[in-house]
Amino acid sequence: SGRKKTELAPHIRQMMYGFGDVRNPLPETVTLMEELVREYVHEIVSEALKISKKGRLNPEDLVFLIRHDSKKYLRVDELLRKYQEIKKAR
C-alpha cells in the first residue's frame, strides 16, 4: 500500500508462542496475524476518531469504545493506572 510498515512480525511471533503456538510459526501465519492486528487497530482508531473532540484522539475515547467488553476494559484500566504510576515516579 505504499505506506512504510513497521516490523511487527517478531513481536507477533513472540505473542503467538506465549499463547501456545510453536516457537517458529509459519511466516504466512505471522503475516495473517499481523494483517488482522493492523485491521483491528485501524478500525478501533477510526471509530475513536469519530467520537473524539476536534479529531484529537485520547485514551478516554478508546476506553469509551471498549466499555462493554469487560476483559479489554479491565486490561486497559490496569495499563492506564500503571502508566500513571510510572509517570509519577519520573
N, C-alpha and C. Protein backbone atom coordinates (compact mmCIF):
# COMPACT_ATOMS: atom_id res chain seq x y z
N SER A 1 0.82 -1.21 0.00
CA SER A 1 0.00 0.00 0.00
C SER A 1 0.85 1.26 0.00
N GLY A 2 2.09 1.23 -0.38
CA GLY A 2 2.89 2.43 -0.47
C GLY A 2 3.31 3.02 0.86
N ARG A 3 2.63 2.66 1.91
CA ARG A 3 2.93 3.17 3.24
C ARG A 3 3.99 2.30 3.88
N LYS A 4 4.96 2.92 4.56
CA LYS A 4 6.00 2.15 5.22
C LYS A 4 5.41 1.41 6.42
N LYS A 5 5.69 0.11 6.50
CA LYS A 5 5.16 -0.68 7.60
C LYS A 5 6.23 -0.85 8.67
N THR A 6 5.80 -0.83 9.91
CA THR A 6 6.72 -1.14 10.99
C THR A 6 6.85 -2.65 11.06
N GLU A 7 7.88 -3.10 11.69
CA GLU A 7 8.13 -4.54 11.76
C GLU A 7 7.48 -5.12 13.01
N LEU A 8 6.27 -5.62 12.85
CA LEU A 8 5.54 -6.23 13.96
C LEU A 8 5.78 -7.73 14.07
N ALA A 9 6.26 -8.34 12.99
CA ALA A 9 6.37 -9.80 12.93
C ALA A 9 7.10 -10.42 14.13
N PRO A 10 8.26 -9.90 14.55
CA PRO A 10 8.93 -10.53 15.70
C PRO A 10 8.08 -10.50 16.97
N HIS A 11 7.38 -9.40 17.18
CA HIS A 11 6.54 -9.27 18.37
C HIS A 11 5.34 -10.21 18.29
N ILE A 12 4.75 -10.28 17.12
CA ILE A 12 3.60 -11.17 16.93
C ILE A 12 4.02 -12.62 17.11
N ARG A 13 5.18 -12.97 16.56
CA ARG A 13 5.70 -14.33 16.69
C ARG A 13 5.87 -14.68 18.18
N GLN A 14 6.43 -13.75 18.96
CA GLN A 14 6.62 -13.98 20.40
C GLN A 14 5.28 -14.12 21.11
N MET A 15 4.32 -13.27 20.76
CA MET A 15 3.00 -13.37 21.39
C MET A 15 2.32 -14.69 21.05
N MET A 16 2.44 -15.10 19.80
CA MET A 16 1.84 -16.38 19.39
C MET A 16 2.44 -17.52 20.20
N TYR A 17 3.74 -17.49 20.36
CA TYR A 17 4.41 -18.53 21.15
C TYR A 17 3.93 -18.47 22.61
N GLY A 18 3.82 -17.26 23.15
CA GLY A 18 3.35 -17.09 24.52
C GLY A 18 1.94 -17.60 24.74
N PHE A 19 1.15 -17.59 23.67
CA PHE A 19 -0.23 -18.08 23.77
C PHE A 19 -0.37 -19.53 23.34
N GLY A 20 0.78 -20.22 23.17
CA GLY A 20 0.72 -21.66 22.96
C GLY A 20 1.06 -22.16 21.56
N ASP A 21 1.40 -21.26 20.65
CA ASP A 21 1.78 -21.71 19.32
C ASP A 21 3.21 -22.24 19.35
N VAL A 22 3.67 -22.77 18.24
CA VAL A 22 5.04 -23.26 18.15
C VAL A 22 6.01 -22.08 18.21
N ARG A 23 7.26 -22.36 18.56
CA ARG A 23 8.25 -21.28 18.70
C ARG A 23 8.42 -20.50 17.39
N ASN A 24 8.45 -21.20 16.28
CA ASN A 24 8.64 -20.55 14.98
C ASN A 24 7.46 -20.88 14.05
N PRO A 25 6.38 -20.12 14.16
CA PRO A 25 5.22 -20.38 13.31
C PRO A 25 5.53 -20.07 11.85
N LEU A 26 4.72 -20.59 10.97
CA LEU A 26 4.89 -20.34 9.54
C LEU A 26 4.83 -18.83 9.27
N PRO A 27 5.70 -18.34 8.39
CA PRO A 27 5.67 -16.91 8.05
C PRO A 27 4.29 -16.45 7.57
N GLU A 28 3.59 -17.32 6.85
CA GLU A 28 2.26 -16.96 6.36
C GLU A 28 1.29 -16.73 7.52
N THR A 29 1.45 -17.52 8.57
CA THR A 29 0.59 -17.38 9.74
C THR A 29 0.87 -16.06 10.45
N VAL A 30 2.15 -15.73 10.59
CA VAL A 30 2.53 -14.47 11.23
C VAL A 30 2.03 -13.29 10.40
N THR A 31 2.16 -13.39 9.09
CA THR A 31 1.69 -12.32 8.20
C THR A 31 0.18 -12.13 8.34
N LEU A 32 -0.56 -13.22 8.39
CA LEU A 32 -2.01 -13.14 8.57
C LEU A 32 -2.36 -12.48 9.90
N MET A 33 -1.68 -12.89 10.96
CA MET A 33 -1.94 -12.29 12.27
C MET A 33 -1.62 -10.79 12.25
N GLU A 34 -0.52 -10.42 11.60
CA GLU A 34 -0.17 -9.00 11.50
C GLU A 34 -1.24 -8.22 10.76
N GLU A 35 -1.76 -8.79 9.68
CA GLU A 35 -2.83 -8.14 8.93
C GLU A 35 -4.08 -7.96 9.80
N LEU A 36 -4.41 -8.98 10.58
CA LEU A 36 -5.57 -8.90 11.47
C LEU A 36 -5.37 -7.84 12.55
N VAL A 37 -4.18 -7.77 13.10
CA VAL A 37 -3.87 -6.76 14.13
C VAL A 37 -3.99 -5.37 13.53
N ARG A 38 -3.38 -5.17 12.37
CA ARG A 38 -3.44 -3.85 11.72
C ARG A 38 -4.89 -3.45 11.42
N GLU A 39 -5.67 -4.40 10.92
CA GLU A 39 -7.07 -4.13 10.60
C GLU A 39 -7.85 -3.75 11.86
N TYR A 40 -7.64 -4.48 12.95
CA TYR A 40 -8.34 -4.19 14.21
C TYR A 40 -7.96 -2.80 14.72
N VAL A 41 -6.67 -2.50 14.73
CA VAL A 41 -6.22 -1.20 15.22
C VAL A 41 -6.79 -0.09 14.35
N HIS A 42 -6.77 -0.28 13.04
CA HIS A 42 -7.32 0.72 12.13
C HIS A 42 -8.81 0.97 12.42
N GLU A 43 -9.56 -0.12 12.61
CA GLU A 43 -10.99 0.01 12.88
C GLU A 43 -11.26 0.73 14.20
N ILE A 44 -10.55 0.34 15.25
CA ILE A 44 -10.84 0.95 16.55
C ILE A 44 -10.39 2.41 16.59
N VAL A 45 -9.28 2.73 15.93
CA VAL A 45 -8.84 4.13 15.89
C VAL A 45 -9.82 4.96 15.05
N SER A 46 -10.29 4.41 13.95
CA SER A 46 -11.27 5.12 13.12
C SER A 46 -12.54 5.41 13.91
N GLU A 47 -13.02 4.42 14.65
CA GLU A 47 -14.22 4.61 15.47
C GLU A 47 -13.96 5.64 16.57
N ALA A 48 -12.80 5.57 17.18
CA ALA A 48 -12.47 6.52 18.25
C ALA A 48 -12.38 7.94 17.71
N LEU A 49 -11.84 8.10 16.52
CA LEU A 49 -11.76 9.43 15.92
C LEU A 49 -13.14 10.01 15.64
N LYS A 50 -14.11 9.16 15.34
CA LYS A 50 -15.47 9.63 15.08
C LYS A 50 -16.09 10.25 16.33
N ILE A 51 -15.74 9.73 17.50
CA ILE A 51 -16.34 10.25 18.73
C ILE A 51 -15.45 11.25 19.46
N SER A 52 -14.22 11.41 18.97
CA SER A 52 -13.27 12.29 19.66
C SER A 52 -13.63 13.76 19.42
N LYS A 53 -13.13 14.59 20.29
CA LYS A 53 -13.34 16.02 20.17
C LYS A 53 -12.25 16.61 19.28
N LYS A 54 -12.66 17.36 18.29
CA LYS A 54 -11.74 18.06 17.39
C LYS A 54 -10.77 17.12 16.68
N GLY A 55 -11.15 15.88 16.50
CA GLY A 55 -10.28 14.96 15.79
C GLY A 55 -9.00 14.58 16.50
N ARG A 56 -8.96 14.84 17.79
CA ARG A 56 -7.77 14.51 18.58
C ARG A 56 -8.08 13.31 19.46
N LEU A 57 -7.35 12.26 19.24
CA LEU A 57 -7.56 11.01 19.95
C LEU A 57 -6.97 11.08 21.35
N ASN A 58 -7.71 10.57 22.34
CA ASN A 58 -7.16 10.47 23.69
C ASN A 58 -7.59 9.13 24.28
N PRO A 59 -6.94 8.70 25.35
CA PRO A 59 -7.26 7.39 25.93
C PRO A 59 -8.73 7.20 26.28
N GLU A 60 -9.38 8.26 26.73
CA GLU A 60 -10.79 8.15 27.11
C GLU A 60 -11.67 7.72 25.94
N ASP A 61 -11.31 8.16 24.74
CA ASP A 61 -12.09 7.76 23.55
C ASP A 61 -12.01 6.25 23.34
N LEU A 62 -10.83 5.69 23.50
CA LEU A 62 -10.66 4.25 23.33
C LEU A 62 -11.35 3.49 24.46
N VAL A 63 -11.24 4.00 25.67
CA VAL A 63 -11.91 3.35 26.81
C VAL A 63 -13.42 3.35 26.59
N PHE A 64 -13.95 4.45 26.09
CA PHE A 64 -15.39 4.54 25.81
C PHE A 64 -15.82 3.45 24.83
N LEU A 65 -15.02 3.20 23.81
CA LEU A 65 -15.37 2.20 22.80
C LEU A 65 -15.39 0.78 23.34
N ILE A 66 -14.53 0.49 24.31
CA ILE A 66 -14.44 -0.89 24.81
C ILE A 66 -15.15 -1.08 26.15
N ARG A 67 -15.90 -0.09 26.57
CA ARG A 67 -16.51 -0.13 27.90
C ARG A 67 -17.40 -1.35 28.14
N HIS A 68 -17.97 -1.93 27.10
CA HIS A 68 -18.85 -3.09 27.28
C HIS A 68 -18.12 -4.43 27.18
N ASP A 69 -16.83 -4.39 26.84
CA ASP A 69 -16.01 -5.61 26.77
C ASP A 69 -15.18 -5.64 28.05
N SER A 70 -15.71 -6.32 29.07
CA SER A 70 -15.09 -6.24 30.40
C SER A 70 -13.64 -6.69 30.41
N LYS A 71 -13.30 -7.69 29.64
CA LYS A 71 -11.92 -8.18 29.62
C LYS A 71 -10.96 -7.09 29.11
N LYS A 72 -11.32 -6.49 27.99
CA LYS A 72 -10.48 -5.42 27.43
C LYS A 72 -10.49 -4.20 28.34
N TYR A 73 -11.67 -3.87 28.85
CA TYR A 73 -11.79 -2.69 29.70
C TYR A 73 -10.90 -2.80 30.93
N LEU A 74 -10.95 -3.95 31.60
CA LEU A 74 -10.13 -4.13 32.80
C LEU A 74 -8.65 -4.08 32.49
N ARG A 75 -8.25 -4.64 31.35
CA ARG A 75 -6.84 -4.62 30.97
C ARG A 75 -6.38 -3.20 30.65
N VAL A 76 -7.17 -2.45 29.92
CA VAL A 76 -6.82 -1.07 29.60
C VAL A 76 -6.77 -0.23 30.86
N ASP A 77 -7.72 -0.43 31.76
CA ASP A 77 -7.73 0.29 33.02
C ASP A 77 -6.45 0.02 33.81
N GLU A 78 -6.06 -1.24 33.87
CA GLU A 78 -4.83 -1.61 34.57
C GLU A 78 -3.61 -0.95 33.92
N LEU A 79 -3.53 -0.99 32.61
CA LEU A 79 -2.38 -0.39 31.91
C LEU A 79 -2.33 1.12 32.09
N LEU A 80 -3.48 1.78 32.06
CA LEU A 80 -3.51 3.22 32.27
C LEU A 80 -3.09 3.60 33.69
N ARG A 81 -3.51 2.80 34.66
CA ARG A 81 -3.08 3.06 36.05
C ARG A 81 -1.57 2.89 36.19
N LYS A 82 -1.03 1.84 35.60
CA LYS A 82 0.42 1.61 35.66
C LYS A 82 1.17 2.73 34.95
N TYR A 83 0.63 3.20 33.85
CA TYR A 83 1.24 4.31 33.12
C TYR A 83 1.32 5.54 34.02
N GLN A 84 0.23 5.83 34.74
CA GLN A 84 0.22 6.99 35.64
C GLN A 84 1.24 6.82 36.77
N GLU A 85 1.37 5.60 37.30
CA GLU A 85 2.36 5.34 38.35
C GLU A 85 3.77 5.60 37.84
N ILE A 86 4.05 5.14 36.65
CA ILE A 86 5.38 5.33 36.05
C ILE A 86 5.63 6.82 35.81
N LYS A 87 4.60 7.50 35.32
CA LYS A 87 4.71 8.94 35.06
C LYS A 87 5.01 9.71 36.35
N LYS A 88 4.34 9.34 37.44
CA LYS A 88 4.58 9.98 38.74
C LYS A 88 5.99 9.73 39.24
N ALA A 89 6.47 8.50 39.04
CA ALA A 89 7.79 8.11 39.55
C ALA A 89 8.92 8.87 38.86
N ARG A 90 8.67 9.35 37.66
CA ARG A 90 9.71 10.09 36.92
C ARG A 90 9.80 11.45 37.48
